[in-house]
Amino acid sequence: MSEIAQLLTLLAVAKALCVSPHTVRSWVRDGKLRPVRICRRLLFHPDEVTRFLAHPQSSGRTPTEAGCQ
């Protein structure tokens, strides 16, 4: 049986990356972060978040710049 990854909510991704939900929506709008859309919800595969973090210059902002502590 294949492993099924749990999708992350927009709020969970924002909190993990130490940015606002608005910033995450902006990255989605700009095509920098690809969501899984279920109805109107934006959900994120953990591998997509990992890919995004591997290329911080694509976001224009890094989690450490966001002031997360």
N, C-alpha and C. Protein backbone atom coordinates (compact mmCIF):
# COMPACT_ATOMS: atom_id res chain seq x y z
N MET A 1 0.84 -1.18 0.00
CA MET A 1 0.00 0.00 0.00
C MET A 1 0.89 1.24 0.00
N SER A 2 0.55 2.22 -0.81
CA SER A 2 1.37 3.43 -0.88
C SER A 2 1.08 4.34 0.30
N GLU A 3 2.07 5.12 0.65
CA GLU A 3 1.92 6.07 1.75
C GLU A 3 1.14 7.29 1.27
N ILE A 4 0.16 7.69 2.03
CA ILE A 4 -0.65 8.85 1.68
C ILE A 4 -0.21 10.01 2.56
N ALA A 5 0.25 11.07 1.90
CA ALA A 5 0.71 12.25 2.63
C ALA A 5 -0.49 13.10 3.05
N GLN A 6 -0.42 13.66 4.21
CA GLN A 6 -1.49 14.54 4.68
C GLN A 6 -1.26 15.94 4.10
N LEU A 7 -2.30 16.51 3.54
CA LEU A 7 -2.19 17.84 2.97
C LEU A 7 -2.21 18.88 4.09
N LEU A 8 -1.47 19.96 3.87
CA LEU A 8 -1.35 21.03 4.85
C LEU A 8 -2.30 22.17 4.48
N THR A 9 -2.90 22.76 5.49
CA THR A 9 -3.78 23.90 5.24
C THR A 9 -2.95 25.16 4.98
N LEU A 10 -3.61 26.16 4.45
CA LEU A 10 -2.97 27.45 4.21
C LEU A 10 -2.43 28.02 5.52
N LEU A 11 -3.21 27.94 6.58
CA LEU A 11 -2.77 28.48 7.87
C LEU A 11 -1.57 27.71 8.42
N ALA A 12 -1.55 26.40 8.22
CA ALA A 12 -0.43 25.60 8.71
C ALA A 12 0.85 25.96 7.95
N VAL A 13 0.75 26.16 6.65
CA VAL A 13 1.92 26.54 5.85
C VAL A 13 2.40 27.93 6.26
N ALA A 14 1.47 28.85 6.43
CA ALA A 14 1.84 30.22 6.84
C ALA A 14 2.56 30.19 8.19
N LYS A 15 2.04 29.44 9.12
CA LYS A 15 2.65 29.36 10.44
C LYS A 15 4.03 28.70 10.37
N ALA A 16 4.15 27.63 9.59
CA ALA A 16 5.42 26.92 9.47
C ALA A 16 6.49 27.79 8.81
N LEU A 17 6.08 28.65 7.88
CA LEU A 17 7.03 29.50 7.16
C LEU A 17 7.17 30.88 7.80
N CYS A 18 6.44 31.10 8.88
CA CYS A 18 6.52 32.37 9.62
C CYS A 18 6.14 33.57 8.76
N VAL A 19 5.08 33.40 8.00
CA VAL A 19 4.55 34.50 7.19
C VAL A 19 3.04 34.55 7.39
N SER A 20 2.43 35.58 6.88
CA SER A 20 0.98 35.70 7.00
C SER A 20 0.30 34.84 5.92
N PRO A 21 -0.96 34.47 6.17
CA PRO A 21 -1.71 33.75 5.13
C PRO A 21 -1.80 34.56 3.83
N HIS A 22 -1.84 35.88 3.95
CA HIS A 22 -1.86 36.73 2.76
C HIS A 22 -0.61 36.51 1.90
N THR A 23 0.53 36.37 2.54
CA THR A 23 1.78 36.14 1.81
C THR A 23 1.73 34.81 1.08
N VAL A 24 1.21 33.77 1.73
CA VAL A 24 1.10 32.46 1.08
C VAL A 24 0.16 32.56 -0.12
N ARG A 25 -0.96 33.24 0.03
CA ARG A 25 -1.88 33.43 -1.11
C ARG A 25 -1.19 34.18 -2.25
N SER A 26 -0.37 35.14 -1.91
CA SER A 26 0.37 35.89 -2.92
C SER A 26 1.32 34.98 -3.69
N TRP A 27 2.02 34.10 -2.97
CA TRP A 27 2.92 33.16 -3.63
C TRP A 27 2.15 32.22 -4.56
N VAL A 28 0.96 31.81 -4.13
CA VAL A 28 0.12 30.96 -4.99
C VAL A 28 -0.28 31.75 -6.24
N ARG A 29 -0.74 32.97 -6.05
CA ARG A 29 -1.16 33.83 -7.17
C ARG A 29 -0.01 34.04 -8.16
N ASP A 30 1.21 34.18 -7.64
CA ASP A 30 2.38 34.41 -8.49
C ASP A 30 2.93 33.13 -9.10
N GLY A 31 2.37 31.98 -8.73
CA GLY A 31 2.81 30.70 -9.28
C GLY A 31 4.06 30.16 -8.61
N LYS A 32 4.45 30.71 -7.48
CA LYS A 32 5.66 30.27 -6.79
C LYS A 32 5.41 29.06 -5.90
N LEU A 33 4.18 28.90 -5.45
CA LEU A 33 3.79 27.80 -4.57
C LEU A 33 2.51 27.21 -5.15
N ARG A 34 2.53 25.90 -5.41
CA ARG A 34 1.39 25.26 -6.07
C ARG A 34 0.50 24.53 -5.06
N PRO A 35 -0.75 24.94 -4.95
CA PRO A 35 -1.67 24.28 -4.02
C PRO A 35 -2.42 23.13 -4.67
N VAL A 36 -3.06 22.34 -3.83
CA VAL A 36 -4.07 21.38 -4.27
C VAL A 36 -5.38 22.05 -3.91
N ARG A 37 -6.21 22.30 -4.91
CA ARG A 37 -7.48 22.99 -4.64
C ARG A 37 -8.59 21.96 -4.48
N ILE A 38 -9.22 21.99 -3.33
CA ILE A 38 -10.37 21.14 -3.08
C ILE A 38 -11.51 22.08 -2.72
N CYS A 39 -12.50 22.11 -3.61
CA CYS A 39 -13.55 23.12 -3.55
C CYS A 39 -12.85 24.49 -3.60
N ARG A 40 -13.02 25.31 -2.60
CA ARG A 40 -12.37 26.62 -2.60
C ARG A 40 -11.17 26.66 -1.67
N ARG A 41 -10.86 25.54 -1.05
CA ARG A 41 -9.76 25.51 -0.08
C ARG A 41 -8.42 25.35 -0.79
N LEU A 42 -7.42 26.01 -0.26
CA LEU A 42 -6.05 25.85 -0.73
C LEU A 42 -5.34 24.92 0.26
N LEU A 43 -4.93 23.77 -0.24
CA LEU A 43 -4.18 22.81 0.57
C LEU A 43 -2.84 22.58 -0.12
N PHE A 44 -1.87 22.15 0.65
CA PHE A 44 -0.52 22.02 0.11
C PHE A 44 0.07 20.67 0.45
N HIS A 45 0.66 20.04 -0.55
CA HIS A 45 1.35 18.78 -0.35
C HIS A 45 2.68 19.09 0.33
N PRO A 46 3.08 18.33 1.33
CA PRO A 46 4.35 18.59 2.02
C PRO A 46 5.56 18.64 1.08
N ASP A 47 5.56 17.83 0.03
CA ASP A 47 6.67 17.85 -0.93
C ASP A 47 6.74 19.19 -1.68
N GLU A 48 5.58 19.80 -1.92
CA GLU A 48 5.56 21.10 -2.60
C GLU A 48 6.15 22.18 -1.69
N VAL A 49 5.85 22.12 -0.41
CA VAL A 49 6.41 23.08 0.54
C VAL A 49 7.93 22.89 0.63
N THR A 50 8.38 21.64 0.62
CA THR A 50 9.82 21.35 0.64
C THR A 50 10.49 21.89 -0.61
N ARG A 51 9.85 21.71 -1.76
CA ARG A 51 10.41 22.24 -3.02
C ARG A 51 10.51 23.76 -2.96
N PHE A 52 9.48 24.37 -2.45
CA PHE A 52 9.46 25.82 -2.32
C PHE A 52 10.58 26.32 -1.41
N LEU A 53 10.79 25.64 -0.29
CA LEU A 53 11.85 26.03 0.64
C LEU A 53 13.24 25.81 0.08
N ALA A 54 13.37 24.87 -0.84
CA ALA A 54 14.68 24.59 -1.45
C ALA A 54 15.12 25.72 -2.37
N HIS A 55 14.17 26.56 -2.76
CA HIS A 55 14.46 27.69 -3.65
C HIS A 55 13.93 28.98 -3.03
N PRO A 56 14.51 29.43 -1.91
CA PRO A 56 13.98 30.61 -1.21
C PRO A 56 13.99 31.89 -2.03
N GLN A 57 14.87 32.00 -3.02
CA GLN A 57 14.91 33.21 -3.83
C GLN A 57 13.64 33.34 -4.66
N SER A 58 12.94 32.24 -4.91
CA SER A 58 11.72 32.31 -5.70
C SER A 58 10.58 32.96 -4.92
N SER A 59 10.68 32.94 -3.60
CA SER A 59 9.60 33.53 -2.80
C SER A 59 9.79 35.02 -2.61
N GLY A 60 11.02 35.48 -2.73
CA GLY A 60 11.30 36.88 -2.47
C GLY A 60 11.43 37.17 -0.99
N ARG A 61 11.25 36.14 -0.18
CA ARG A 61 11.30 36.32 1.26
C ARG A 61 11.62 34.97 1.90
N THR A 62 12.45 34.94 2.88
CA THR A 62 12.78 33.71 3.56
C THR A 62 12.15 33.68 4.93
N PRO A 63 11.93 32.51 5.50
CA PRO A 63 11.31 32.43 6.83
C PRO A 63 12.08 33.23 7.89
N THR A 64 13.40 33.29 7.81
CA THR A 64 14.14 34.04 8.82
C THR A 64 13.93 35.54 8.67
N GLU A 65 13.66 36.01 7.46
CA GLU A 65 13.38 37.43 7.24
C GLU A 65 12.02 37.81 7.80
N ALA A 66 11.15 36.85 7.96
CA ALA A 66 9.79 37.11 8.41
C ALA A 66 9.75 37.38 9.93
N GLY A 67 10.83 37.08 10.63
CA GLY A 67 10.87 37.36 12.04
C GLY A 67 10.27 36.27 12.90
N CYS A 68 10.23 35.06 12.38
CA CYS A 68 9.68 33.94 13.14
C CYS A 68 10.62 33.55 14.25
N GLN A 69 10.04 33.32 15.42
CA GLN A 69 10.87 32.95 16.55
C GLN A 69 10.36 31.70 17.19
